[in-house]
Amino acid sequence: MLTFTKNGEDISRKIYQIFREQNPKIGVLILQEQEKFVYSLVEEFVDDCFKQANYIIPILTTGYINHINNLTNNDDEESLVNNLDHKYVKYLYSLMRLEYCKNNCHNNRIR
């Protein structure tokens, strides 16, 4: 599962293309590609995907760091509406932190 903000879209696109071209193929979850499922049961869908993913890969950019620390400006509000991956970055980040704490500060899946 990849998690990224607007300024990490190009990087994430390159990463998931590489993963999907491998043999055997490596499944990569992008929320925007699952739009109909995300909108029907948002938290349940994201939670299930998070639990099922073998690895969570945050694309750490300045935009990602600024977004999770509430340092974004108003220009980012438009991308929140248009991009599900950007919209749920904070939620996924909170799931990552919760898992880390539950595992006694051991990181098993976040890359």
C-alpha atoms as a PDB file:
ATOM      1  CA  MET A   1       0.000   0.000   0.000  1.00  0.00           C
ATOM      2  CA  LEU A   2       1.388   3.388  -0.997  1.00  0.00           C
ATOM      3  CA  THR A   3       0.487   6.562   0.856  1.00  0.00           C
ATOM      4  CA  PHE A   4       1.427   9.942  -0.591  1.00  0.00           C
ATOM      5  CA  THR A   5       0.394  13.548  -1.091  1.00  0.00           C
ATOM      6  CA  LYS A   6       0.027  15.589  -4.259  1.00  0.00           C
ATOM      7  CA  ASN A   7       3.739  16.301  -4.671  1.00  0.00           C
ATOM      8  CA  GLY A   8       4.525  12.582  -4.344  1.00  0.00           C
ATOM      9  CA  GLU A   9       2.210  11.428  -7.136  1.00  0.00           C
ATOM     10  CA  ASP A  10       4.908  11.175  -9.815  1.00  0.00           C
ATOM     11  CA  ILE A  11       7.224   9.225  -7.530  1.00  0.00           C
ATOM     12  CA  SER A  12       4.443   6.875  -6.444  1.00  0.00           C
ATOM     13  CA  ARG A  13       3.440   6.325 -10.078  1.00  0.00           C
ATOM     14  CA  LYS A  14       7.007   5.247 -10.929  1.00  0.00           C
ATOM     15  CA  ILE A  15       7.133   2.950  -7.903  1.00  0.00           C
ATOM     16  CA  TYR A  16       3.846   1.204  -8.574  1.00  0.00           C
ATOM     17  CA  GLN A  17       4.689   0.766 -12.265  1.00  0.00           C
ATOM     18  CA  ILE A  18       7.937  -0.970 -11.294  1.00  0.00           C
ATOM     19  CA  PHE A  19       6.145  -3.198  -8.769  1.00  0.00           C
ATOM     20  CA  ARG A  20       3.348  -4.088 -11.176  1.00  0.00           C
ATOM     21  CA  GLU A  21       5.801  -4.980 -13.950  1.00  0.00           C
ATOM     22  CA  GLN A  22       7.626  -7.538 -11.772  1.00  0.00           C
ATOM     23  CA  ASN A  23       7.161 -11.220 -12.383  1.00  0.00           C
ATOM     24  CA  PRO A  24       5.339 -12.406 -10.374  1.00  0.00           C
ATOM     25  CA  LYS A  25       3.348  -9.199 -10.160  1.00  0.00           C
ATOM     26  CA  ILE A  26       3.360  -7.308  -6.879  1.00  0.00           C
ATOM     27  CA  GLY A  27      -0.042  -5.906  -5.966  1.00  0.00           C
ATOM     28  CA  VAL A  28      -0.014  -2.196  -5.155  1.00  0.00           C
ATOM     29  CA  LEU A  29      -2.971  -0.436  -3.586  1.00  0.00           C
ATOM     30  CA  ILE A  30      -3.670   3.162  -4.591  1.00  0.00           C
ATOM     31  CA  LEU A  31      -6.834   4.571  -2.998  1.00  0.00           C
ATOM     32  CA  GLN A  32      -7.690   6.713  -6.023  1.00  0.00           C
ATOM     33  CA  GLU A  33      -7.899   3.550  -8.152  1.00  0.00           C
ATOM     34  CA  GLN A  34     -10.455   2.118  -5.702  1.00  0.00           C
ATOM     35  CA  GLU A  35     -12.654   5.219  -5.668  1.00  0.00           C
ATOM     36  CA  LYS A  36     -16.036   3.442  -5.739  1.00  0.00           C
ATOM     37  CA  PHE A  37     -15.123   1.280  -2.728  1.00  0.00           C
ATOM     38  CA  VAL A  38     -13.582   4.137  -0.766  1.00  0.00           C
ATOM     39  CA  TYR A  39     -16.671   6.310  -1.067  1.00  0.00           C
ATOM     40  CA  SER A  40     -19.095   3.545  -0.118  1.00  0.00           C
ATOM     41  CA  LEU A  41     -17.479   2.616   3.227  1.00  0.00           C
ATOM     42  CA  VAL A  42     -14.536   4.933   3.755  1.00  0.00           C
ATOM     43  CA  GLU A  43     -13.075   3.992   7.129  1.00  0.00           C
ATOM     44  CA  GLU A  44     -13.979   0.330   6.866  1.00  0.00           C
ATOM     45  CA  PHE A  45     -12.394   0.037   3.408  1.00  0.00           C
ATOM     46  CA  VAL A  46      -9.209   1.883   4.364  1.00  0.00           C
ATOM     47  CA  ASP A  47      -8.907  -0.103   7.617  1.00  0.00           C
ATOM     48  CA  ASP A  48      -9.344  -3.419   5.791  1.00  0.00           C
ATOM     49  CA  CYS A  49      -6.793  -2.481   3.138  1.00  0.00           C
ATOM     50  CA  PHE A  50      -4.348  -1.357   5.811  1.00  0.00           C
ATOM     51  CA  LYS A  51      -4.717  -4.635   7.713  1.00  0.00           C
ATOM     52  CA  GLN A  52      -4.322  -6.778   4.579  1.00  0.00           C
ATOM     53  CA  ALA A  53      -1.295  -4.999   3.124  1.00  0.00           C
ATOM     54  CA  ASN A  54       2.032  -6.731   3.649  1.00  0.00           C
ATOM     55  CA  TYR A  55       3.869  -3.418   3.540  1.00  0.00           C
ATOM     56  CA  ILE A  56       2.905   0.248   3.881  1.00  0.00           C
ATOM     57  CA  ILE A  57       5.129   2.596   1.911  1.00  0.00           C
ATOM     58  CA  PRO A  58       4.759   6.301   2.685  1.00  0.00           C
ATOM     59  CA  ILE A  59       6.267   8.504  -0.021  1.00  0.00           C
ATOM     60  CA  LEU A  60       7.957  11.046   2.233  1.00  0.00           C
ATOM     61  CA  THR A  61       8.047  14.437   0.558  1.00  0.00           C
ATOM     62  CA  THR A  62       7.935  17.917   2.032  1.00  0.00           C
ATOM     63  CA  GLY A  63       4.227  17.968   1.171  1.00  0.00           C
ATOM     64  CA  TYR A  64       3.641  14.729   3.086  1.00  0.00           C
ATOM     65  CA  ILE A  65       5.508  15.960   6.166  1.00  0.00           C
ATOM     66  CA  ASN A  66       3.763  19.338   6.032  1.00  0.00           C
ATOM     67  CA  HIS A  67       0.367  17.683   5.622  1.00  0.00           C
ATOM     68  CA  ILE A  68       0.674  15.343   8.620  1.00  0.00           C
ATOM     69  CA  ASN A  69       1.989  18.242  10.729  1.00  0.00           C
ATOM     70  CA  ASN A  70      -0.832  20.593   9.656  1.00  0.00           C
ATOM     71  CA  LEU A  71       1.574  22.953   7.900  1.00  0.00           C
ATOM     72  CA  THR A  72      -0.250  22.914   4.554  1.00  0.00           C
ATOM     73  CA  ASN A  73      -1.591  26.003   2.841  1.00  0.00           C
ATOM     74  CA  ASN A  74      -4.940  26.614   1.155  1.00  0.00           C
ATOM     75  CA  ASP A  75      -3.636  25.430  -2.238  1.00  0.00           C
ATOM     76  CA  ASP A  76      -3.645  21.899  -0.857  1.00  0.00           C
ATOM     77  CA  GLU A  77      -7.368  22.005  -0.080  1.00  0.00           C
ATOM     78  CA  GLU A  78      -8.214  21.516  -3.764  1.00  0.00           C
ATOM     79  CA  SER A  79      -6.082  18.389  -3.983  1.00  0.00           C
ATOM     80  CA  LEU A  80      -7.841  16.997  -0.895  1.00  0.00           C
ATOM     81  CA  VAL A  81     -11.092  17.030  -2.833  1.00  0.00           C
ATOM     82  CA  ASN A  82      -9.597  15.598  -6.036  1.00  0.00           C
ATOM     83  CA  ASN A  83      -7.222  12.921  -4.727  1.00  0.00           C
ATOM     84  CA  LEU A  84      -8.215  10.218  -2.255  1.00  0.00           C
ATOM     85  CA  ASP A  85      -4.627   9.285  -1.489  1.00  0.00           C
ATOM     86  CA  HIS A  86      -3.892  12.844  -0.381  1.00  0.00           C
ATOM     87  CA  LYS A  87      -7.194  13.107   1.463  1.00  0.00           C
ATOM     88  CA  TYR A  88      -6.526  10.073   3.691  1.00  0.00           C
ATOM     89  CA  VAL A  89      -2.811  10.606   4.398  1.00  0.00           C
ATOM     90  CA  LYS A  90      -3.471  11.713   7.981  1.00  0.00           C
ATOM     91  CA  TYR A  91      -5.793   8.788   8.613  1.00  0.00           C
ATOM     92  CA  LEU A  92      -3.252   6.289   7.275  1.00  0.00           C
ATOM     93  CA  TYR A  93      -0.514   7.999   9.269  1.00  0.00           C
ATOM     94  CA  SER A  94      -2.585   7.601  12.438  1.00  0.00           C
ATOM     95  CA  LEU A  95      -3.065   3.887  11.639  1.00  0.00           C
ATOM     96  CA  MET A  96       0.704   3.520  11.178  1.00  0.00           C
ATOM     97  CA  ARG A  97       1.401   5.223  14.508  1.00  0.00           C
ATOM     98  CA  LEU A  98      -1.212   3.116  16.298  1.00  0.00           C
ATOM     99  CA  GLU A  99       0.246  -0.116  14.907  1.00  0.00           C
ATOM    100  CA  TYR A 100       3.749   0.975  15.891  1.00  0.00           C
ATOM    101  CA  CYS A 101       2.623   1.631  19.478  1.00  0.00           C
ATOM    102  CA  LYS A 102       0.670  -1.642  19.677  1.00  0.00           C
ATOM    103  CA  ASN A 103       3.793  -3.526  18.548  1.00  0.00           C
ATOM    104  CA  ASN A 104       5.857  -2.085  21.418  1.00  0.00           C
ATOM    105  CA  CYS A 105       7.591   0.317  19.039  1.00  0.00           C
ATOM    106  CA  HIS A 106       8.617  -2.401  16.572  1.00  0.00           C
ATOM    107  CA  ASN A 107       8.182  -1.576  12.915  1.00  0.00           C
ATOM    108  CA  ASN A 108       7.203  -4.626  10.891  1.00  0.00           C
ATOM    109  CA  ARG A 109       5.465  -3.228   7.808  1.00  0.00           C
ATOM    110  CA  ILE A 110       6.251   0.448   7.267  1.00  0.00           C
ATOM    111  CA  ARG A 111       9.001   0.892   4.690  1.00  0.00           C
END
